[in-house]
Amino acid sequence: MTETLVADRRMLEALVCPLTQTTLSYDADKQELISKAAKLAFPIRNGIPVMLVDEARPLD
């Protein structure tokens, strides 16, 4: 189990925003990857990051 969490964490850290190519922050409570540069939150559904701009939630 711990190995899976480490691998998942490394995968999330390797992802970048599809619009700005900047790093993303992980919000564990909301299960989202946050792009501060694009002001978007990309959902993680069933453990899979959805990196589509059309699926992202705008940040306030």
PDB file of N, CA and C in Angstrom:
ATOM      1  N   MET A   1       0.834  -1.206   0.000  1.00  0.00           N
ATOM      2  CA  MET A   1       0.000   0.000   0.000  1.00  0.00           C
ATOM      3  C   MET A   1       0.869   1.257   0.000  1.00  0.00           C
ATOM      4  N   THR A   2       1.907   1.282   0.813  1.00  0.00           N
ATOM      5  CA  THR A   2       2.763   2.451   0.887  1.00  0.00           C
ATOM      6  C   THR A   2       3.451   2.711  -0.451  1.00  0.00           C
ATOM      7  N   GLU A   3       3.878   1.651  -1.136  1.00  0.00           N
ATOM      8  CA  GLU A   3       4.527   1.811  -2.431  1.00  0.00           C
ATOM      9  C   GLU A   3       3.583   2.460  -3.438  1.00  0.00           C
ATOM     10  N   THR A   4       2.298   2.090  -3.391  1.00  0.00           N
ATOM     11  CA  THR A   4       1.308   2.675  -4.295  1.00  0.00           C
ATOM     12  C   THR A   4       1.163   4.163  -4.028  1.00  0.00           C
ATOM     13  N   LEU A   5       1.122   4.544  -2.756  1.00  0.00           N
ATOM     14  CA  LEU A   5       0.983   5.955  -2.414  1.00  0.00           C
ATOM     15  C   LEU A   5       2.192   6.752  -2.884  1.00  0.00           C
ATOM     16  N   VAL A   6       3.378   6.199  -2.746  1.00  0.00           N
ATOM     17  CA  VAL A   6       4.590   6.875  -3.195  1.00  0.00           C
ATOM     18  C   VAL A   6       4.570   7.028  -4.708  1.00  0.00           C
ATOM     19  N   ALA A   7       4.186   5.971  -5.424  1.00  0.00           N
ATOM     20  CA  ALA A   7       4.117   6.022  -6.882  1.00  0.00           C
ATOM     21  C   ALA A   7       3.072   7.038  -7.327  1.00  0.00           C
ATOM     22  N   ASP A   8       1.921   7.045  -6.680  1.00  0.00           N
ATOM     23  CA  ASP A   8       0.874   8.006  -7.029  1.00  0.00           C
ATOM     24  C   ASP A   8       1.353   9.437  -6.806  1.00  0.00           C
ATOM     25  N   ARG A   9       2.037   9.649  -5.706  1.00  0.00           N
ATOM     26  CA  ARG A   9       2.542  10.977  -5.369  1.00  0.00           C
ATOM     27  C   ARG A   9       3.556  11.439  -6.423  1.00  0.00           C
ATOM     28  N   ARG A  10       4.442  10.534  -6.827  1.00  0.00           N
ATOM     29  CA  ARG A  10       5.444  10.864  -7.851  1.00  0.00           C
ATOM     30  C   ARG A  10       4.766  11.179  -9.183  1.00  0.00           C
ATOM     31  N   MET A  11       3.720  10.425  -9.518  1.00  0.00           N
ATOM     32  CA  MET A  11       2.999  10.669 -10.766  1.00  0.00           C
ATOM     33  C   MET A  11       2.354  12.059 -10.727  1.00  0.00           C
ATOM     34  N   LEU A  12       1.718  12.388  -9.620  1.00  0.00           N
ATOM     35  CA  LEU A  12       1.062  13.682  -9.505  1.00  0.00           C
ATOM     36  C   LEU A  12       2.070  14.822  -9.598  1.00  0.00           C
ATOM     37  N   GLU A  13       3.247  14.627  -9.003  1.00  0.00           N
ATOM     38  CA  GLU A  13       4.274  15.658  -9.030  1.00  0.00           C
ATOM     39  C   GLU A  13       4.840  15.851 -10.434  1.00  0.00           C
ATOM     40  N   ALA A  14       4.739  14.836 -11.270  1.00  0.00           N
ATOM     41  CA  ALA A  14       5.271  14.914 -12.637  1.00  0.00           C
ATOM     42  C   ALA A  14       4.313  15.626 -13.589  1.00  0.00           C
ATOM     43  N   LEU A  15       3.058  15.728 -13.230  1.00  0.00           N
ATOM     44  CA  LEU A  15       2.077  16.369 -14.114  1.00  0.00           C
ATOM     45  C   LEU A  15       2.228  17.887 -14.084  1.00  0.00           C
ATOM     46  N   VAL A  16       1.926  18.502 -15.207  1.00  0.00           N
ATOM     47  CA  VAL A  16       1.926  19.961 -15.304  1.00  0.00           C
ATOM     48  C   VAL A  16       0.605  20.414 -15.918  1.00  0.00           C
ATOM     49  N   CYS A  17       0.311  21.675 -15.750  1.00  0.00           N
ATOM     50  CA  CYS A  17      -0.908  22.254 -16.312  1.00  0.00           C
ATOM     51  C   CYS A  17      -0.846  22.187 -17.836  1.00  0.00           C
ATOM     52  N   PRO A  18      -1.902  21.704 -18.484  1.00  0.00           N
ATOM     53  CA  PRO A  18      -1.895  21.617 -19.941  1.00  0.00           C
ATOM     54  C   PRO A  18      -1.916  22.988 -20.629  1.00  0.00           C
ATOM     55  N   LEU A  19      -2.328  24.022 -19.921  1.00  0.00           N
ATOM     56  CA  LEU A  19      -2.360  25.370 -20.510  1.00  0.00           C
ATOM     57  C   LEU A  19      -1.049  26.125 -20.327  1.00  0.00           C
ATOM     58  N   THR A  20      -0.537  26.093 -19.103  1.00  0.00           N
ATOM     59  CA  THR A  20       0.607  26.944 -18.762  1.00  0.00           C
ATOM     60  C   THR A  20       1.924  26.183 -18.626  1.00  0.00           C
ATOM     61  N   GLN A  21       1.854  24.861 -18.583  1.00  0.00           N
ATOM     62  CA  GLN A  21       3.038  24.009 -18.385  1.00  0.00           C
ATOM     63  C   GLN A  21       3.714  24.261 -17.039  1.00  0.00           C
ATOM     64  N   THR A  22       2.974  24.798 -16.076  1.00  0.00           N
ATOM     65  CA  THR A  22       3.513  25.032 -14.741  1.00  0.00           C
ATOM     66  C   THR A  22       3.120  23.878 -13.821  1.00  0.00           C
ATOM     67  N   THR A  23       3.794  23.783 -12.689  1.00  0.00           N
ATOM     68  CA  THR A  23       3.518  22.707 -11.743  1.00  0.00           C
ATOM     69  C   THR A  23       2.134  22.877 -11.119  1.00  0.00           C
ATOM     70  N   LEU A  24       1.626  21.770 -10.614  1.00  0.00           N
ATOM     71  CA  LEU A  24       0.304  21.739 -10.010  1.00  0.00           C
ATOM     72  C   LEU A  24       0.417  21.433  -8.522  1.00  0.00           C
ATOM     73  N   SER A  25      -0.554  21.911  -7.762  1.00  0.00           N
ATOM     74  CA  SER A  25      -0.666  21.585  -6.340  1.00  0.00           C
ATOM     75  C   SER A  25      -1.752  20.531  -6.184  1.00  0.00           C
ATOM     76  N   TYR A  26      -1.554  19.630  -5.238  1.00  0.00           N
ATOM     77  CA  TYR A  26      -2.533  18.561  -4.987  1.00  0.00           C
ATOM     78  C   TYR A  26      -3.388  18.927  -3.794  1.00  0.00           C
ATOM     79  N   ASP A  27      -4.696  18.965  -3.990  1.00  0.00           N
ATOM     80  CA  ASP A  27      -5.653  19.195  -2.905  1.00  0.00           C
ATOM     81  C   ASP A  27      -6.303  17.853  -2.588  1.00  0.00           C
ATOM     82  N   ALA A  28      -5.829  17.209  -1.530  1.00  0.00           N
ATOM     83  CA  ALA A  28      -6.302  15.867  -1.169  1.00  0.00           C
ATOM     84  C   ALA A  28      -7.767  15.877  -0.743  1.00  0.00           C
ATOM     85  N   ASP A  29      -8.190  16.930  -0.057  1.00  0.00           N
ATOM     86  CA  ASP A  29      -9.577  16.997   0.416  1.00  0.00           C
ATOM     87  C   ASP A  29     -10.573  17.055  -0.736  1.00  0.00           C
ATOM     88  N   LYS A  30     -10.261  17.843  -1.751  1.00  0.00           N
ATOM     89  CA  LYS A  30     -11.172  18.000  -2.891  1.00  0.00           C
ATOM     90  C   LYS A  30     -10.855  17.052  -4.040  1.00  0.00           C
ATOM     91  N   GLN A  31      -9.733  16.314  -3.918  1.00  0.00           N
ATOM     92  CA  GLN A  31      -9.290  15.415  -4.986  1.00  0.00           C
ATOM     93  C   GLN A  31      -9.167  16.177  -6.305  1.00  0.00           C
ATOM     94  N   GLU A  32      -8.334  17.227  -6.248  1.00  0.00           N
ATOM     95  CA  GLU A  32      -8.107  18.069  -7.416  1.00  0.00           C
ATOM     96  C   GLU A  32      -6.629  18.414  -7.521  1.00  0.00           C
ATOM     97  N   LEU A  33      -6.209  18.707  -8.734  1.00  0.00           N
ATOM     98  CA  LEU A  33      -4.890  19.270  -8.994  1.00  0.00           C
ATOM     99  C   LEU A  33      -5.106  20.730  -9.359  1.00  0.00           C
ATOM    100  N   ILE A  34      -4.425  21.616  -8.665  1.00  0.00           N
ATOM    101  CA  ILE A  34      -4.652  23.046  -8.791  1.00  0.00           C
ATOM    102  C   ILE A  34      -3.550  23.698  -9.624  1.00  0.00           C
ATOM    103  N   SER A  35      -3.973  24.444 -10.637  1.00  0.00           N
ATOM    104  CA  SER A  35      -3.054  25.269 -11.413  1.00  0.00           C
ATOM    105  C   SER A  35      -3.298  26.716 -10.999  1.00  0.00           C
ATOM    106  N   LYS A  36      -2.384  27.252 -10.202  1.00  0.00           N
ATOM    107  CA  LYS A  36      -2.523  28.643  -9.770  1.00  0.00           C
ATOM    108  C   LYS A  36      -2.350  29.593 -10.946  1.00  0.00           C
ATOM    109  N   ALA A  37      -1.454  29.241 -11.882  1.00  0.00           N
ATOM    110  CA  ALA A  37      -1.190  30.104 -13.039  1.00  0.00           C
ATOM    111  C   ALA A  37      -2.416  30.224 -13.944  1.00  0.00           C
ATOM    112  N   ALA A  38      -3.109  29.118 -14.167  1.00  0.00           N
ATOM    113  CA  ALA A  38      -4.297  29.125 -15.033  1.00  0.00           C
ATOM    114  C   ALA A  38      -5.582  29.376 -14.256  1.00  0.00           C
ATOM    115  N   LYS A  39      -5.486  29.362 -12.927  1.00  0.00           N
ATOM    116  CA  LYS A  39      -6.646  29.523 -12.050  1.00  0.00           C
ATOM    117  C   LYS A  39      -7.714  28.473 -12.343  1.00  0.00           C
ATOM    118  N   LEU A  40      -7.234  27.205 -12.443  1.00  0.00           N
ATOM    119  CA  LEU A  40      -8.114  26.065 -12.708  1.00  0.00           C
ATOM    120  C   LEU A  40      -7.822  24.940 -11.737  1.00  0.00           C
ATOM    121  N   ALA A  41      -8.858  24.147 -11.464  1.00  0.00           N
ATOM    122  CA  ALA A  41      -8.729  22.941 -10.643  1.00  0.00           C
ATOM    123  C   ALA A  41      -9.128  21.748 -11.499  1.00  0.00           C
ATOM    124  N   PHE A  42      -8.183  20.831 -11.686  1.00  0.00           N
ATOM    125  CA  PHE A  42      -8.437  19.640 -12.493  1.00  0.00           C
ATOM    126  C   PHE A  42      -8.860  18.502 -11.566  1.00  0.00           C
ATOM    127  N   PRO A  43      -9.994  17.858 -11.849  1.00  0.00           N
ATOM    128  CA  PRO A  43     -10.492  16.804 -10.958  1.00  0.00           C
ATOM    129  C   PRO A  43      -9.670  15.519 -11.067  1.00  0.00           C
ATOM    130  N   ILE A  44      -9.694  14.769  -9.965  1.00  0.00           N
ATOM    131  CA  ILE A  44      -9.135  13.414  -9.960  1.00  0.00           C
ATOM    132  C   ILE A  44     -10.328  12.500  -9.727  1.00  0.00           C
ATOM    133  N   ARG A  45     -10.645  11.671 -10.718  1.00  0.00           N
ATOM    134  CA  ARG A  45     -11.810  10.784 -10.642  1.00  0.00           C
ATOM    135  C   ARG A  45     -11.349   9.334 -10.635  1.00  0.00           C
ATOM    136  N   ASN A  46     -11.768   8.603  -9.620  1.00  0.00           N
ATOM    137  CA  ASN A  46     -11.374   7.200  -9.480  1.00  0.00           C
ATOM    138  C   ASN A  46      -9.861   7.044  -9.524  1.00  0.00           C
ATOM    139  N   GLY A  47      -9.151   8.010  -8.938  1.00  0.00           N
ATOM    140  CA  GLY A  47      -7.701   7.953  -8.876  1.00  0.00           C
ATOM    141  C   GLY A  47      -6.992   8.399 -10.141  1.00  0.00           C
ATOM    142  N   ILE A  48      -7.741   8.871 -11.134  1.00  0.00           N
ATOM    143  CA  ILE A  48      -7.152   9.271 -12.419  1.00  0.00           C
ATOM    144  C   ILE A  48      -7.319  10.779 -12.611  1.00  0.00           C
ATOM    145  N   PRO A  49      -6.206  11.514 -12.758  1.00  0.00           N
ATOM    146  CA  PRO A  49      -6.315  12.946 -13.017  1.00  0.00           C
ATOM    147  C   PRO A  49      -6.928  13.204 -14.397  1.00  0.00           C
ATOM    148  N   VAL A  50      -7.913  14.079 -14.435  1.00  0.00           N
ATOM    149  CA  VAL A  50      -8.560  14.456 -15.693  1.00  0.00           C
ATOM    150  C   VAL A  50      -7.959  15.799 -16.093  1.00  0.00           C
ATOM    151  N   MET A  51      -7.034  15.760 -17.049  1.00  0.00           N
ATOM    152  CA  MET A  51      -6.259  16.945 -17.411  1.00  0.00           C
ATOM    153  C   MET A  51      -6.833  17.666 -18.637  1.00  0.00           C
ATOM    154  N   LEU A  52      -8.137  17.677 -18.746  1.00  0.00           N
ATOM    155  CA  LEU A  52      -8.821  18.363 -19.832  1.00  0.00           C
ATOM    156  C   LEU A  52      -9.319  19.719 -19.347  1.00  0.00           C
ATOM    157  N   VAL A  53      -8.993  20.760 -20.087  1.00  0.00           N
ATOM    158  CA  VAL A  53      -9.398  22.115 -19.689  1.00  0.00           C
ATOM    159  C   VAL A  53     -10.921  22.211 -19.589  1.00  0.00           C
ATOM    160  N   ASP A  54     -11.632  21.542 -20.480  1.00  0.00           N
ATOM    161  CA  ASP A  54     -13.102  21.568 -20.458  1.00  0.00           C
ATOM    162  C   ASP A  54     -13.683  20.945 -19.193  1.00  0.00           C
ATOM    163  N   GLU A  55     -12.931  20.085 -18.535  1.00  0.00           N
ATOM    164  CA  GLU A  55     -13.392  19.415 -17.319  1.00  0.00           C
ATOM    165  C   GLU A  55     -12.931  20.140 -16.046  1.00  0.00           C
ATOM    166  N   ALA A  56     -12.057  21.122 -16.201  1.00  0.00           N
ATOM    167  CA  ALA A  56     -11.500  21.835 -15.040  1.00  0.00           C
ATOM    168  C   ALA A  56     -12.517  22.824 -14.474  1.00  0.00           C
ATOM    169  N   ARG A  57     -12.373  23.042 -13.176  1.00  0.00           N
ATOM    170  CA  ARG A  57     -13.227  23.992 -12.473  1.00  0.00           C
ATOM    171  C   ARG A  57     -12.464  25.307 -12.318  1.00  0.00           C
ATOM    172  N   PRO A  58     -13.088  26.435 -12.721  1.00  0.00           N
ATOM    173  CA  PRO A  58     -12.413  27.724 -12.521  1.00  0.00           C
ATOM    174  C   PRO A  58     -12.266  28.036 -11.035  1.00  0.00           C
ATOM    175  N   LEU A  59     -11.143  28.595 -10.654  1.00  0.00           N
ATOM    176  CA  LEU A  59     -10.930  29.017  -9.270  1.00  0.00           C
ATOM    177  C   LEU A  59     -11.385  30.443  -9.104  1.00  0.00           C
ATOM    178  N   ASP A  60     -11.838  30.758  -7.918  1.00  0.00           N
ATOM    179  CA  ASP A  60     -12.286  32.135  -7.622  1.00  0.00           C
ATOM    180  C   ASP A  60     -11.125  33.083  -7.518  1.00  0.00           C
TER     181      ASP A  60
END
